[in-house]
Amino acid sequence: RDSQRPVVMASSEGGVDIEETAANNPRAILKQYVDPAV
């Protein structure tokens, strides 16, 4: 919603505790924002 575009997110720390990873170590989440025009 902030960028008003899709974002592809990835992390090397997948599995059942991904919510804790996002909360405790947000830098572990990689993000690529997508321009809908391209």
PDB file of all heavy atoms in Angstrom:
ATOM      1  N   ARG A   1       0.817  -1.215   0.000  1.00  0.00           N
ATOM      2  CA  ARG A   1       0.000   0.000   0.000  1.00  0.00           C
ATOM      3  C   ARG A   1       0.849   1.262   0.000  1.00  0.00           C
ATOM      4  O   ARG A   1       0.455   2.270  -0.591  1.00  0.00           O
ATOM      5  CB  ARG A   1      -0.932  -0.003   1.218  1.00  0.00           C
ATOM      6  CG  ARG A   1      -1.989  -1.086   1.163  1.00  0.00           C
ATOM      7  CD  ARG A   1      -3.003  -0.933   2.274  1.00  0.00           C
ATOM      8  NE  ARG A   1      -4.056  -1.934   2.183  1.00  0.00           N
ATOM      9  CZ  ARG A   1      -5.123  -1.966   2.973  1.00  0.00           C
ATOM     10  NH1 ARG A   1      -5.272  -1.044   3.910  1.00  0.00           N
ATOM     11  NH2 ARG A   1      -6.043  -2.901   2.839  1.00  0.00           N
ATOM     12  N   ASP A   2       1.994   1.218   0.659  1.00  0.00           N
ATOM     13  CA  ASP A   2       2.828   2.418   0.735  1.00  0.00           C
ATOM     14  C   ASP A   2       3.345   2.822  -0.645  1.00  0.00           C
ATOM     15  O   ASP A   2       3.308   3.990  -1.026  1.00  0.00           O
ATOM     16  CB  ASP A   2       3.993   2.194   1.694  1.00  0.00           C
ATOM     17  CG  ASP A   2       3.537   2.098   3.144  1.00  0.00           C
ATOM     18  OD1 ASP A   2       2.441   2.607   3.438  1.00  0.00           O
ATOM     19  OD2 ASP A   2       4.260   1.507   3.961  1.00  0.00           O
ATOM     20  N   SER A   3       3.843   1.834  -1.404  1.00  0.00           N
ATOM     21  CA  SER A   3       4.387   2.130  -2.730  1.00  0.00           C
ATOM     22  C   SER A   3       3.330   2.042  -3.821  1.00  0.00           C
ATOM     23  O   SER A   3       3.565   2.430  -4.958  1.00  0.00           O
ATOM     24  CB  SER A   3       5.525   1.153  -3.062  1.00  0.00           C
ATOM     25  OG  SER A   3       5.037  -0.173  -3.137  1.00  0.00           O
ATOM     26  N   GLN A   4       2.161   1.486  -3.461  1.00  0.00           N
ATOM     27  CA  GLN A   4       1.052   1.321  -4.408  1.00  0.00           C
ATOM     28  C   GLN A   4       1.464   0.483  -5.614  1.00  0.00           C
ATOM     29  O   GLN A   4       1.098   0.772  -6.747  1.00  0.00           O
ATOM     30  CB  GLN A   4       0.509   2.685  -4.842  1.00  0.00           C
ATOM     31  CG  GLN A   4      -0.029   3.514  -3.696  1.00  0.00           C
ATOM     32  CD  GLN A   4      -0.636   4.832  -4.144  1.00  0.00           C
ATOM     33  OE1 GLN A   4      -0.779   5.105  -5.330  1.00  0.00           O
ATOM     34  NE2 GLN A   4      -1.007   5.673  -3.191  1.00  0.00           N
ATOM     35  N   ARG A   5       2.170  -0.596  -5.332  1.00  0.00           N
ATOM     36  CA  ARG A   5       2.582  -1.510  -6.389  1.00  0.00           C
ATOM     37  C   ARG A   5       2.903  -2.867  -5.774  1.00  0.00           C
ATOM     38  O   ARG A   5       3.090  -2.979  -4.558  1.00  0.00           O
ATOM     39  CB  ARG A   5       3.782  -0.956  -7.154  1.00  0.00           C
ATOM     40  CG  ARG A   5       5.028  -0.706  -6.297  1.00  0.00           C
ATOM     41  CD  ARG A   5       6.131  -0.041  -7.108  1.00  0.00           C
ATOM     42  NE  ARG A   5       5.700   1.238  -7.654  1.00  0.00           N
ATOM     43  CZ  ARG A   5       6.344   1.900  -8.608  1.00  0.00           C
ATOM     44  NH1 ARG A   5       7.465   1.408  -9.108  1.00  0.00           N
ATOM     45  NH2 ARG A   5       5.886   3.060  -9.043  1.00  0.00           N
ATOM     46  N   PRO A   6       2.984  -3.913  -6.601  1.00  0.00           N
ATOM     47  CA  PRO A   6       3.335  -5.226  -6.049  1.00  0.00           C
ATOM     48  C   PRO A   6       4.779  -5.237  -5.571  1.00  0.00           C
ATOM     49  O   PRO A   6       5.642  -4.533  -6.106  1.00  0.00           O
ATOM     50  CB  PRO A   6       3.147  -6.174  -7.241  1.00  0.00           C
ATOM     51  CG  PRO A   6       2.327  -5.418  -8.242  1.00  0.00           C
ATOM     52  CD  PRO A   6       2.662  -3.974  -8.038  1.00  0.00           C
ATOM     53  N   VAL A   7       5.029  -6.072  -4.565  1.00  0.00           N
ATOM     54  CA  VAL A   7       6.392  -6.274  -4.083  1.00  0.00           C
ATOM     55  C   VAL A   7       6.643  -7.772  -3.956  1.00  0.00           C
ATOM     56  O   VAL A   7       5.809  -8.512  -3.440  1.00  0.00           O
ATOM     57  CB  VAL A   7       6.631  -5.549  -2.731  1.00  0.00           C
ATOM     58  CG1 VAL A   7       5.656  -6.016  -1.663  1.00  0.00           C
ATOM     59  CG2 VAL A   7       8.063  -5.758  -2.257  1.00  0.00           C
ATOM     60  N   VAL A   8       7.783  -8.201  -4.490  1.00  0.00           N
ATOM     61  CA  VAL A   8       8.207  -9.599  -4.367  1.00  0.00           C
ATOM     62  C   VAL A   8       9.157  -9.676  -3.176  1.00  0.00           C
ATOM     63  O   VAL A   8      10.148  -8.942  -3.121  1.00  0.00           O
ATOM     64  CB  VAL A   8       8.909 -10.086  -5.649  1.00  0.00           C
ATOM     65  CG1 VAL A   8       9.317 -11.553  -5.509  1.00  0.00           C
ATOM     66  CG2 VAL A   8       7.993  -9.904  -6.862  1.00  0.00           C
ATOM     67  N   MET A   9       8.835 -10.536  -2.234  1.00  0.00           N
ATOM     68  CA  MET A   9       9.633 -10.663  -1.014  1.00  0.00           C
ATOM     69  C   MET A   9      10.206 -12.072  -0.911  1.00  0.00           C
ATOM     70  O   MET A   9       9.549 -13.045  -1.298  1.00  0.00           O
ATOM     71  CB  MET A   9       8.788 -10.360   0.218  1.00  0.00           C
ATOM     72  CG  MET A   9       8.143  -8.991   0.213  1.00  0.00           C
ATOM     73  SD  MET A   9       7.292  -8.618   1.774  1.00  0.00           S
ATOM     74  CE  MET A   9       6.015  -9.883   1.746  1.00  0.00           C
ATOM     75  N   ALA A  10      11.419 -12.168  -0.377  1.00  0.00           N
ATOM     76  CA  ALA A  10      12.053 -13.471  -0.203  1.00  0.00           C
ATOM     77  C   ALA A  10      12.936 -13.442   1.031  1.00  0.00           C
ATOM     78  O   ALA A  10      13.398 -12.385   1.469  1.00  0.00           O
ATOM     79  CB  ALA A  10      12.871 -13.844  -1.434  1.00  0.00           C
ATOM     80  N   SER A  11      13.160 -14.621   1.582  1.00  0.00           N
ATOM     81  CA  SER A  11      14.047 -14.748   2.731  1.00  0.00           C
ATOM     82  C   SER A  11      14.683 -16.133   2.713  1.00  0.00           C
ATOM     83  O   SER A  11      14.056 -17.111   2.305  1.00  0.00           O
ATOM     84  CB  SER A  11      13.283 -14.546   4.046  1.00  0.00           C
ATOM     85  OG  SER A  11      14.125 -14.801   5.155  1.00  0.00           O
ATOM     86  N   SER A  12      15.927 -16.185   3.161  1.00  0.00           N
ATOM     87  CA  SER A  12      16.605 -17.471   3.269  1.00  0.00           C
ATOM     88  C   SER A  12      16.135 -18.238   4.490  1.00  0.00           C
ATOM     89  O   SER A  12      16.464 -19.413   4.658  1.00  0.00           O
ATOM     90  CB  SER A  12      18.125 -17.261   3.358  1.00  0.00           C
ATOM     91  OG  SER A  12      18.448 -16.454   4.486  1.00  0.00           O
ATOM     92  N   GLU A  13      15.355 -17.582   5.361  1.00  0.00           N
ATOM     93  CA  GLU A  13      14.885 -18.196   6.596  1.00  0.00           C
ATOM     94  C   GLU A  13      13.396 -18.508   6.491  1.00  0.00           C
ATOM     95  O   GLU A  13      12.559 -17.886   7.137  1.00  0.00           O
ATOM     96  CB  GLU A  13      15.161 -17.274   7.787  1.00  0.00           C
ATOM     97  CG  GLU A  13      16.633 -16.920   7.952  1.00  0.00           C
ATOM     98  CD  GLU A  13      16.874 -15.970   9.110  1.00  0.00           C
ATOM     99  OE1 GLU A  13      16.088 -16.011  10.076  1.00  0.00           O
ATOM    100  OE2 GLU A  13      17.841 -15.194   9.048  1.00  0.00           O
ATOM    101  N   GLY A  14      13.058 -19.478   5.640  1.00  0.00           N
ATOM    102  CA  GLY A  14      11.673 -19.878   5.476  1.00  0.00           C
ATOM    103  C   GLY A  14      11.252 -20.889   6.517  1.00  0.00           C
ATOM    104  O   GLY A  14      12.018 -21.274   7.398  1.00  0.00           O
ATOM    105  N   GLY A  15       9.983 -21.322   6.433  1.00  0.00           N
ATOM    106  CA  GLY A  15       9.479 -22.310   7.370  1.00  0.00           C
ATOM    107  C   GLY A  15       8.428 -21.740   8.294  1.00  0.00           C
ATOM    108  O   GLY A  15       7.853 -20.682   8.046  1.00  0.00           O
ATOM    109  N   VAL A  16       8.216 -22.429   9.416  1.00  0.00           N
ATOM    110  CA  VAL A  16       7.079 -22.113  10.278  1.00  0.00           C
ATOM    111  C   VAL A  16       7.248 -20.817  11.054  1.00  0.00           C
ATOM    112  O   VAL A  16       6.277 -20.266  11.567  1.00  0.00           O
ATOM    113  CB  VAL A  16       6.814 -23.274  11.270  1.00  0.00           C
ATOM    114  CG1 VAL A  16       6.396 -24.519  10.527  1.00  0.00           C
ATOM    115  CG2 VAL A  16       8.053 -23.552  12.127  1.00  0.00           C
ATOM    116  N   ASP A  17       8.468 -20.307  11.174  1.00  0.00           N
ATOM    117  CA  ASP A  17       8.706 -19.132  12.013  1.00  0.00           C
ATOM    118  C   ASP A  17       9.009 -17.874  11.208  1.00  0.00           C
ATOM    119  O   ASP A  17       9.704 -16.979  11.683  1.00  0.00           O
ATOM    120  CB  ASP A  17       9.858 -19.408  12.984  1.00  0.00           C
ATOM    121  CG  ASP A  17       9.537 -20.530  13.964  1.00  0.00           C
ATOM    122  OD1 ASP A  17       8.391 -20.566  14.451  1.00  0.00           O
ATOM    123  OD2 ASP A  17      10.425 -21.363  14.218  1.00  0.00           O
ATOM    124  N   ILE A  18       8.475 -17.770   9.996  1.00  0.00           N
ATOM    125  CA  ILE A  18       8.780 -16.623   9.144  1.00  0.00           C
ATOM    126  C   ILE A  18       8.271 -15.326   9.764  1.00  0.00           C
ATOM    127  O   ILE A  18       8.890 -14.263   9.618  1.00  0.00           O
ATOM    128  CB  ILE A  18       8.196 -16.812   7.724  1.00  0.00           C
ATOM    129  CG1 ILE A  18       8.643 -15.670   6.812  1.00  0.00           C
ATOM    130  CG2 ILE A  18       6.696 -16.935   7.767  1.00  0.00           C
ATOM    131  CD1 ILE A  18      10.127 -15.577   6.595  1.00  0.00           C
ATOM    132  N   GLU A  19       7.150 -15.387  10.504  1.00  0.00           N
ATOM    133  CA  GLU A  19       6.626 -14.172  11.137  1.00  0.00           C
ATOM    134  C   GLU A  19       7.615 -13.619  12.154  1.00  0.00           C
ATOM    135  O   GLU A  19       7.808 -12.400  12.260  1.00  0.00           O
ATOM    136  CB  GLU A  19       5.280 -14.460  11.813  1.00  0.00           C
ATOM    137  CG  GLU A  19       4.132 -14.734  10.847  1.00  0.00           C
ATOM    138  CD  GLU A  19       4.033 -16.188  10.481  1.00  0.00           C
ATOM    139  OE1 GLU A  19       4.931 -16.976  10.889  1.00  0.00           O
ATOM    140  OE2 GLU A  19       3.085 -16.567   9.777  1.00  0.00           O
ATOM    141  N   GLU A  20       8.248 -14.525  12.915  1.00  0.00           N
ATOM    142  CA  GLU A  20       9.237 -14.084  13.893  1.00  0.00           C
ATOM    143  C   GLU A  20      10.461 -13.497  13.198  1.00  0.00           C
ATOM    144  O   GLU A  20      11.040 -12.516  13.671  1.00  0.00           O
ATOM    145  CB  GLU A  20       9.648 -15.268  14.782  1.00  0.00           C
ATOM    146  CG  GLU A  20       8.531 -15.797  15.665  1.00  0.00           C
ATOM    147  CD  GLU A  20       8.993 -16.950  16.539  1.00  0.00           C
ATOM    148  OE1 GLU A  20      10.226 -17.142  16.651  1.00  0.00           O
ATOM    149  OE2 GLU A  20       8.134 -17.652  17.099  1.00  0.00           O
ATOM    150  N   THR A  21      10.841 -14.092  12.076  1.00  0.00           N
ATOM    151  CA  THR A  21      11.978 -13.564  11.318  1.00  0.00           C
ATOM    152  C   THR A  21      11.702 -12.142  10.858  1.00  0.00           C
ATOM    153  O   THR A  21      12.550 -11.249  10.981  1.00  0.00           O
ATOM    154  CB  THR A  21      12.265 -14.457  10.100  1.00  0.00           C
ATOM    155  OG1 THR A  21      12.590 -15.777  10.548  1.00  0.00           O
ATOM    156  CG2 THR A  21      13.416 -13.900   9.274  1.00  0.00           C
ATOM    157  N   ALA A  22      10.506 -11.917  10.316  1.00  0.00           N
ATOM    158  CA  ALA A  22      10.148 -10.589   9.815  1.00  0.00           C
ATOM    159  C   ALA A  22      10.116  -9.565  10.944  1.00  0.00           C
ATOM    160  O   ALA A  22      10.494  -8.402  10.754  1.00  0.00           O
ATOM    161  CB  ALA A  22       8.794 -10.650   9.112  1.00  0.00           C
ATOM    162  N   ALA A  23       9.672  -9.994  12.136  1.00  0.00           N
ATOM    163  CA  ALA A  23       9.562  -9.066  13.260  1.00  0.00           C
ATOM    164  C   ALA A  23      10.918  -8.780  13.895  1.00  0.00           C
ATOM    165  O   ALA A  23      11.224  -7.630  14.239  1.00  0.00           O
ATOM    166  CB  ALA A  23       8.600  -9.633  14.303  1.00  0.00           C
ATOM    167  N   ASN A  24      11.737  -9.811  14.033  1.00  0.00           N
ATOM    168  CA  ASN A  24      12.998  -9.666  14.763  1.00  0.00           C
ATOM    169  C   ASN A  24      14.186  -9.292  13.880  1.00  0.00           C
ATOM    170  O   ASN A  24      15.156  -8.713  14.366  1.00  0.00           O
ATOM    171  CB  ASN A  24      13.316 -10.970  15.506  1.00  0.00           C
ATOM    172  CG  ASN A  24      12.246 -11.326  16.516  1.00  0.00           C
ATOM    173  OD1 ASN A  24      11.616 -10.445  17.106  1.00  0.00           O
ATOM    174  ND2 ASN A  24      12.030 -12.617  16.723  1.00  0.00           N
ATOM    175  N   ASN A  25      14.104  -9.644  12.599  1.00  0.00           N
ATOM    176  CA  ASN A  25      15.220  -9.368  11.701  1.00  0.00           C
ATOM    177  C   ASN A  25      14.701  -8.958  10.325  1.00  0.00           C
ATOM    178  O   ASN A  25      14.816  -9.706   9.348  1.00  0.00           O
ATOM    179  CB  ASN A  25      16.116 -10.611  11.580  1.00  0.00           C
ATOM    180  CG  ASN A  25      17.390 -10.325  10.788  1.00  0.00           C
ATOM    181  OD1 ASN A  25      17.776  -9.168  10.592  1.00  0.00           O
ATOM    182  ND2 ASN A  25      18.043 -11.387  10.312  1.00  0.00           N
ATOM    183  N   PRO A  26      14.096  -7.778  10.232  1.00  0.00           N
ATOM    184  CA  PRO A  26      13.487  -7.354   8.964  1.00  0.00           C
ATOM    185  C   PRO A  26      14.476  -7.286   7.804  1.00  0.00           C
ATOM    186  O   PRO A  26      14.078  -7.385   6.642  1.00  0.00           O
ATOM    187  CB  PRO A  26      12.910  -5.969   9.290  1.00  0.00           C
ATOM    188  CG  PRO A  26      13.609  -5.521  10.537  1.00  0.00           C
ATOM    189  CD  PRO A  26      13.928  -6.765  11.291  1.00  0.00           C
ATOM    190  N   ARG A  27      15.774  -7.121   8.096  1.00  0.00           N
ATOM    191  CA  ARG A  27      16.764  -7.082   7.018  1.00  0.00           C
ATOM    192  C   ARG A  27      16.925  -8.426   6.325  1.00  0.00           C
ATOM    193  O   ARG A  27      17.505  -8.503   5.230  1.00  0.00           O
ATOM    194  CB  ARG A  27      18.108  -6.618   7.569  1.00  0.00           C
ATOM    195  CG  ARG A  27      18.125  -5.154   8.013  1.00  0.00           C
ATOM    196  CD  ARG A  27      19.519  -4.699   8.378  1.00  0.00           C
ATOM    197  NE  ARG A  27      19.560  -3.289   8.732  1.00  0.00           N
ATOM    198  CZ  ARG A  27      20.654  -2.623   9.056  1.00  0.00           C
ATOM    199  NH1 ARG A  27      21.830  -3.275   9.075  1.00  0.00           N
ATOM    200  NH2 ARG A  27      20.615  -1.343   9.358  1.00  0.00           N
ATOM    201  N   ALA A  28      16.417  -9.486   6.961  1.00  0.00           N
ATOM    202  CA  ALA A  28      16.493 -10.812   6.351  1.00  0.00           C
ATOM    203  C   ALA A  28      15.473 -10.975   5.234  1.00  0.00           C
ATOM    204  O   ALA A  28      15.509 -11.970   4.501  1.00  0.00           O
ATOM    205  CB  ALA A  28      16.289 -11.893   7.408  1.00  0.00           C
ATOM    206  N   ILE A  29      14.564 -10.015   5.099  1.00  0.00           N
ATOM    207  CA  ILE A  29      13.544 -10.063   4.054  1.00  0.00           C
ATOM    208  C   ILE A  29      14.008  -9.221   2.860  1.00  0.00           C
ATOM    209  O   ILE A  29      14.155  -8.002   2.964  1.00  0.00           O
ATOM    210  CB  ILE A  29      12.186  -9.537   4.566  1.00  0.00           C
ATOM    211  CG1 ILE A  29      11.793 -10.247   5.862  1.00  0.00           C
ATOM    212  CG2 ILE A  29      11.125  -9.702   3.499  1.00  0.00           C
ATOM    213  CD1 ILE A  29      11.534 -11.726   5.723  1.00  0.00           C
ATOM    214  N   LEU A  30      14.250  -9.873   1.736  1.00  0.00           N
ATOM    215  CA  LEU A  30      14.621  -9.177   0.499  1.00  0.00           C
ATOM    216  C   LEU A  30      13.363  -8.700  -0.207  1.00  0.00           C
ATOM    217  O   LEU A  30      12.343  -9.396  -0.215  1.00  0.00           O
ATOM    218  CB  LEU A  30      15.412 -10.112  -0.417  1.00  0.00           C
ATOM    219  CG  LEU A  30      16.629 -10.812   0.195  1.00  0.00           C
ATOM    220  CD1 LEU A  30      17.233 -11.783  -0.814  1.00  0.00           C
ATOM    221  CD2 LEU A  30      17.659  -9.791   0.636  1.00  0.00           C
ATOM    222  N   LYS A  31      13.434  -7.509  -0.827  1.00  0.00           N
ATOM    223  CA  LYS A  31      12.251  -6.953  -1.495  1.00  0.00           C
ATOM    224  C   LYS A  31      12.619  -6.402  -2.861  1.00  0.00           C
ATOM    225  O   LYS A  31      13.651  -5.753  -3.025  1.00  0.00           O
ATOM    226  CB  LYS A  31      11.618  -5.842  -0.650  1.00  0.00           C
ATOM    227  CG  LYS A  31      11.058  -6.309   0.689  1.00  0.00           C
ATOM    228  CD  LYS A  31      10.406  -5.155   1.452  1.00  0.00           C
ATOM    229  CE  LYS A  31       9.846  -5.632   2.787  1.00  0.00           C
ATOM    230  NZ  LYS A  31       9.196  -4.528   3.537  1.00  0.00           N
ATOM    231  N   GLN A  32      11.750  -6.680  -3.824  1.00  0.00           N
ATOM    232  CA  GLN A  32      11.858  -6.105  -5.159  1.00  0.00           C
ATOM    233  C   GLN A  32      10.489  -5.539  -5.524  1.00  0.00           C
ATOM    234  O   GLN A  32       9.509  -6.286  -5.674  1.00  0.00           O
ATOM    235  CB  GLN A  32      12.292  -7.161  -6.189  1.00  0.00           C
ATOM    236  CG  GLN A  32      13.741  -7.588  -6.102  1.00  0.00           C
ATOM    237  CD  GLN A  32      14.688  -6.488  -6.571  1.00  0.00           C
ATOM    238  OE1 GLN A  32      14.353  -5.702  -7.461  1.00  0.00           O
ATOM    239  NE2 GLN A  32      15.881  -6.436  -5.975  1.00  0.00           N
ATOM    240  N   TYR A  33      10.420  -4.201  -5.677  1.00  0.00           N
ATOM    241  CA  TYR A  33       9.166  -3.553  -6.039  1.00  0.00           C
ATOM    242  C   TYR A  33       8.983  -3.588  -7.552  1.00  0.00           C
ATOM    243  O   TYR A  33       9.941  -3.405  -8.309  1.00  0.00           O
ATOM    244  CB  TYR A  33       9.143  -2.119  -5.523  1.00  0.00           C
ATOM    245  CG  TYR A  33       9.115  -2.045  -4.015  1.00  0.00           C
ATOM    246  CD1 TYR A  33      10.308  -2.001  -3.276  1.00  0.00           C
ATOM    247  CD2 TYR A  33       7.908  -2.038  -3.326  1.00  0.00           C
ATOM    248  CE1 TYR A  33      10.280  -1.957  -1.885  1.00  0.00           C
ATOM    249  CE2 TYR A  33       7.879  -1.991  -1.940  1.00  0.00           C
ATOM    250  CZ  TYR A  33       9.068  -1.955  -1.225  1.00  0.00           C
ATOM    251  OH  TYR A  33       9.040  -1.917   0.149  1.00  0.00           O
ATOM    252  N   VAL A  34       7.746  -3.821  -7.974  1.00  0.00           N
ATOM    253  CA  VAL A  34       7.461  -4.017  -9.395  1.00  0.00           C
ATOM    254  C   VAL A  34       6.691  -2.825  -9.950  1.00  0.00           C
ATOM    255  O   VAL A  34       5.622  -2.472  -9.441  1.00  0.00           O
ATOM    256  CB  VAL A  34       6.643  -5.305  -9.619  1.00  0.00           C
ATOM    257  CG1 VAL A  34       6.410  -5.536 -11.115  1.00  0.00           C
ATOM    258  CG2 VAL A  34       7.355  -6.507  -8.992  1.00  0.00           C
ATOM    259  N   ASP A  35       7.227  -2.219 -10.988  1.00  0.00           N
ATOM    260  CA  ASP A  35       6.524  -1.155 -11.706  1.00  0.00           C
ATOM    261  C   ASP A  35       5.495  -1.816 -12.617  1.00  0.00           C
ATOM    262  O   ASP A  35       5.863  -2.538 -13.551  1.00  0.00           O
ATOM    263  CB  ASP A  35       7.515  -0.337 -12.529  1.00  0.00           C
ATOM    264  CG  ASP A  35       6.855   0.856 -13.214  1.00  0.00           C
ATOM    265  OD1 ASP A  35       5.609   0.888 -13.307  1.00  0.00           O
ATOM    266  OD2 ASP A  35       7.595   1.753 -13.666  1.00  0.00           O
ATOM    267  N   PRO A  36       4.190  -1.611 -12.379  1.00  0.00           N
ATOM    268  CA  PRO A  36       3.175  -2.275 -13.211  1.00  0.00           C
ATOM    269  C   PRO A  36       3.291  -1.936 -14.691  1.00  0.00           C
ATOM    270  O   PRO A  36       2.839  -2.712 -15.538  1.00  0.00           O
ATOM    271  CB  PRO A  36       1.855  -1.751 -12.629  1.00  0.00           C
ATOM    272  CG  PRO A  36       2.190  -1.303 -11.252  1.00  0.00           C
ATOM    273  CD  PRO A  36       3.590  -0.779 -11.328  1.00  0.00           C
ATOM    274  N   ALA A  37       3.904  -0.795 -15.010  1.00  0.00           N
ATOM    275  CA  ALA A  37       4.016  -0.396 -16.416  1.00  0.00           C
ATOM    276  C   ALA A  37       4.980  -1.286 -17.193  1.00  0.00           C
ATOM    277  O   ALA A  37       4.835  -1.459 -18.404  1.00  0.00           O
ATOM    278  CB  ALA A  37       4.468   1.067 -16.516  1.00  0.00           C
ATOM    279  N   VAL A  38       5.974  -1.846 -16.505  1.00  0.00           N
ATOM    280  CA  VAL A  38       6.974  -2.676 -17.196  1.00  0.00           C
ATOM    281  C   VAL A  38       6.967  -4.118 -16.717  1.00  0.00           C
ATOM    282  O   VAL A  38       7.526  -4.999 -17.373  1.00  0.00           O
ATOM    283  CB  VAL A  38       8.390  -2.075 -17.039  1.00  0.00           C
ATOM    284  CG1 VAL A  38       8.456  -0.707 -17.669  1.00  0.00           C
ATOM    285  CG2 VAL A  38       8.798  -2.002 -15.563  1.00  0.00           C
TER     286      VAL A  38
END
